[in-house]
Amino acid sequence: MITQNKRLVGIVLAVGLLLLIPFVGMQFTDEVNWSRFDFVIAGVLLLGTGLMCELVLRLVKKFEYRIALCAVILVALALIWIELAVGIFGTPFAGS
């Protein structure tokens, strides 16, 4: 298997394993109450971020641009995740 496909399989497996944590009894805290929809959104965000970074790694040749673009993608993930969790910007999609 070539390196690019190994990374892709690793991304999908990592997202899958992260989303399985609550279902195998590894609950870290009782203060977080996620619904199934929350897990779907988390999966979409994590998988989308991983796939976008993989696309950058495959298409962008210059190392510095790769790092910068992946950093921007990860910062966007963090901001969206934080907004959905606690609503730091007060947008309507942050929930109630």
C-alpha atoms as a PDB file:
ATOM      1  CA  MET A   1       0.000   0.000   0.000  1.00  0.00           C
ATOM      2  CA  ILE A   2       1.425   3.384  -0.918  1.00  0.00           C
ATOM      3  CA  THR A   3       1.998   6.095   1.669  1.00  0.00           C
ATOM      4  CA  GLN A   4      -0.867   8.312   0.514  1.00  0.00           C
ATOM      5  CA  ASN A   5      -3.387   5.514   0.929  1.00  0.00           C
ATOM      6  CA  LYS A   6      -1.968   4.608   4.342  1.00  0.00           C
ATOM      7  CA  ARG A   7      -2.564   8.189   5.499  1.00  0.00           C
ATOM      8  CA  LEU A   8      -6.118   8.086   4.171  1.00  0.00           C
ATOM      9  CA  VAL A   9      -6.860   4.809   5.954  1.00  0.00           C
ATOM     10  CA  GLY A  10      -5.273   6.241   9.116  1.00  0.00           C
ATOM     11  CA  ILE A  11      -7.498   9.314   8.978  1.00  0.00           C
ATOM     12  CA  VAL A  12     -10.670   7.262   8.607  1.00  0.00           C
ATOM     13  CA  LEU A  13      -9.638   4.819  11.354  1.00  0.00           C
ATOM     14  CA  ALA A  14      -8.682   7.622  13.748  1.00  0.00           C
ATOM     15  CA  VAL A  15     -12.033   9.360  13.300  1.00  0.00           C
ATOM     16  CA  GLY A  16     -13.873   6.074  13.727  1.00  0.00           C
ATOM     17  CA  LEU A  17     -11.982   5.195  16.894  1.00  0.00           C
ATOM     18  CA  LEU A  18     -12.509   8.648  18.383  1.00  0.00           C
ATOM     19  CA  LEU A  19     -16.238   8.407  17.793  1.00  0.00           C
ATOM     20  CA  LEU A  20     -16.381   4.925  19.359  1.00  0.00           C
ATOM     21  CA  ILE A  21     -14.977   6.054  22.723  1.00  0.00           C
ATOM     22  CA  PRO A  22     -18.357   6.726  24.392  1.00  0.00           C
ATOM     23  CA  PHE A  23     -19.847   3.492  23.032  1.00  0.00           C
ATOM     24  CA  VAL A  24     -17.179   1.231  24.515  1.00  0.00           C
ATOM     25  CA  GLY A  25     -17.654   2.594  28.013  1.00  0.00           C
ATOM     26  CA  MET A  26     -14.752   5.042  28.165  1.00  0.00           C
ATOM     27  CA  GLN A  27     -16.707   8.006  29.465  1.00  0.00           C
ATOM     28  CA  PHE A  28     -14.370  10.650  30.831  1.00  0.00           C
ATOM     29  CA  THR A  29     -16.955  12.909  32.432  1.00  0.00           C
ATOM     30  CA  ASP A  30     -20.663  12.991  33.181  1.00  0.00           C
ATOM     31  CA  GLU A  31     -20.906  16.695  32.348  1.00  0.00           C
ATOM     32  CA  VAL A  32     -20.914  16.166  28.581  1.00  0.00           C
ATOM     33  CA  ASN A  33     -24.237  14.942  27.212  1.00  0.00           C
ATOM     34  CA  TRP A  34     -23.935  14.345  23.476  1.00  0.00           C
ATOM     35  CA  SER A  35     -26.792  13.177  21.306  1.00  0.00           C
ATOM     36  CA  ARG A  36     -26.378  11.019  18.204  1.00  0.00           C
ATOM     37  CA  PHE A  37     -26.594  14.172  16.093  1.00  0.00           C
ATOM     38  CA  ASP A  38     -23.630  15.621  18.007  1.00  0.00           C
ATOM     39  CA  PHE A  39     -21.586  12.547  17.100  1.00  0.00           C
ATOM     40  CA  VAL A  40     -22.590  12.872  13.460  1.00  0.00           C
ATOM     41  CA  ILE A  41     -21.482  16.522  13.421  1.00  0.00           C
ATOM     42  CA  ALA A  42     -18.214  15.642  15.185  1.00  0.00           C
ATOM     43  CA  GLY A  43     -17.579  12.883  12.664  1.00  0.00           C
ATOM     44  CA  VAL A  44     -18.253  15.185   9.721  1.00  0.00           C
ATOM     45  CA  LEU A  45     -15.976  17.881  11.164  1.00  0.00           C
ATOM     46  CA  LEU A  46     -13.122  15.499  11.972  1.00  0.00           C
ATOM     47  CA  LEU A  47     -13.336  13.515   8.754  1.00  0.00           C
ATOM     48  CA  GLY A  48     -13.706  16.669   6.655  1.00  0.00           C
ATOM     49  CA  THR A  49     -10.698  18.242   8.320  1.00  0.00           C
ATOM     50  CA  GLY A  50      -8.607  15.126   7.866  1.00  0.00           C
ATOM     51  CA  LEU A  51      -9.574  14.781   4.219  1.00  0.00           C
ATOM     52  CA  MET A  52      -8.896  18.456   3.497  1.00  0.00           C
ATOM     53  CA  CYS A  53      -5.438  18.170   5.056  1.00  0.00           C
ATOM     54  CA  GLU A  54      -4.833  15.023   2.997  1.00  0.00           C
ATOM     55  CA  LEU A  55      -5.854  16.913  -0.137  1.00  0.00           C
ATOM     56  CA  VAL A  56      -3.417  19.700   0.727  1.00  0.00           C
ATOM     57  CA  LEU A  57      -0.636  17.166   1.277  1.00  0.00           C
ATOM     58  CA  ARG A  58      -1.325  15.559  -2.096  1.00  0.00           C
ATOM     59  CA  LEU A  59      -1.715  18.712  -4.187  1.00  0.00           C
ATOM     60  CA  VAL A  60       0.602  21.334  -2.688  1.00  0.00           C
ATOM     61  CA  LYS A  61       4.272  20.769  -3.447  1.00  0.00           C
ATOM     62  CA  LYS A  62       6.003  23.449  -1.372  1.00  0.00           C
ATOM     63  CA  PHE A  63       6.524  22.379   2.248  1.00  0.00           C
ATOM     64  CA  GLU A  64       5.896  25.818   3.776  1.00  0.00           C
ATOM     65  CA  TYR A  65       2.568  26.161   1.962  1.00  0.00           C
ATOM     66  CA  ARG A  66       1.534  22.699   3.131  1.00  0.00           C
ATOM     67  CA  ILE A  67       2.190  23.610   6.738  1.00  0.00           C
ATOM     68  CA  ALA A  68       0.412  26.969   6.441  1.00  0.00           C
ATOM     69  CA  LEU A  69      -2.667  25.551   4.734  1.00  0.00           C
ATOM     70  CA  CYS A  70      -2.994  22.652   7.169  1.00  0.00           C
ATOM     71  CA  ALA A  71      -2.615  25.098  10.065  1.00  0.00           C
ATOM     72  CA  VAL A  72      -5.429  27.267   8.658  1.00  0.00           C
ATOM     73  CA  ILE A  73      -7.644  24.190   8.284  1.00  0.00           C
ATOM     74  CA  LEU A  74      -6.929  23.108  11.877  1.00  0.00           C
ATOM     75  CA  VAL A  75      -7.602  26.607  13.242  1.00  0.00           C
ATOM     76  CA  ALA A  76     -10.911  26.654  11.352  1.00  0.00           C
ATOM     77  CA  LEU A  77     -11.799  23.278  12.892  1.00  0.00           C
ATOM     78  CA  ALA A  78     -10.935  24.559  16.364  1.00  0.00           C
ATOM     79  CA  LEU A  79     -13.016  27.716  15.944  1.00  0.00           C
ATOM     80  CA  ILE A  80     -16.031  25.817  14.632  1.00  0.00           C
ATOM     81  CA  TRP A  81     -15.721  23.189  17.389  1.00  0.00           C
ATOM     82  CA  ILE A  82     -15.463  25.860  20.098  1.00  0.00           C
ATOM     83  CA  GLU A  83     -18.394  27.784  18.642  1.00  0.00           C
ATOM     84  CA  LEU A  84     -20.546  24.672  18.627  1.00  0.00           C
ATOM     85  CA  ALA A  85     -19.474  23.790  22.167  1.00  0.00           C
ATOM     86  CA  VAL A  86     -19.754  27.094  23.999  1.00  0.00           C
ATOM     87  CA  GLY A  87     -20.787  29.758  21.483  1.00  0.00           C
ATOM     88  CA  ILE A  88     -17.877  32.182  21.743  1.00  0.00           C
ATOM     89  CA  PHE A  89     -19.094  34.210  18.769  1.00  0.00           C
ATOM     90  CA  GLY A  90     -22.816  33.995  19.543  1.00  0.00           C
ATOM     91  CA  THR A  91     -23.887  32.718  16.122  1.00  0.00           C
ATOM     92  CA  PRO A  92     -27.294  31.032  15.801  1.00  0.00           C
ATOM     93  CA  PHE A  93     -25.820  27.644  14.885  1.00  0.00           C
ATOM     94  CA  ALA A  94     -24.115  27.408  18.288  1.00  0.00           C
ATOM     95  CA  GLY A  95     -27.330  26.104  19.815  1.00  0.00           C
ATOM     96  CA  SER A  96     -29.169  27.207  22.898  1.00  0.00           C
END
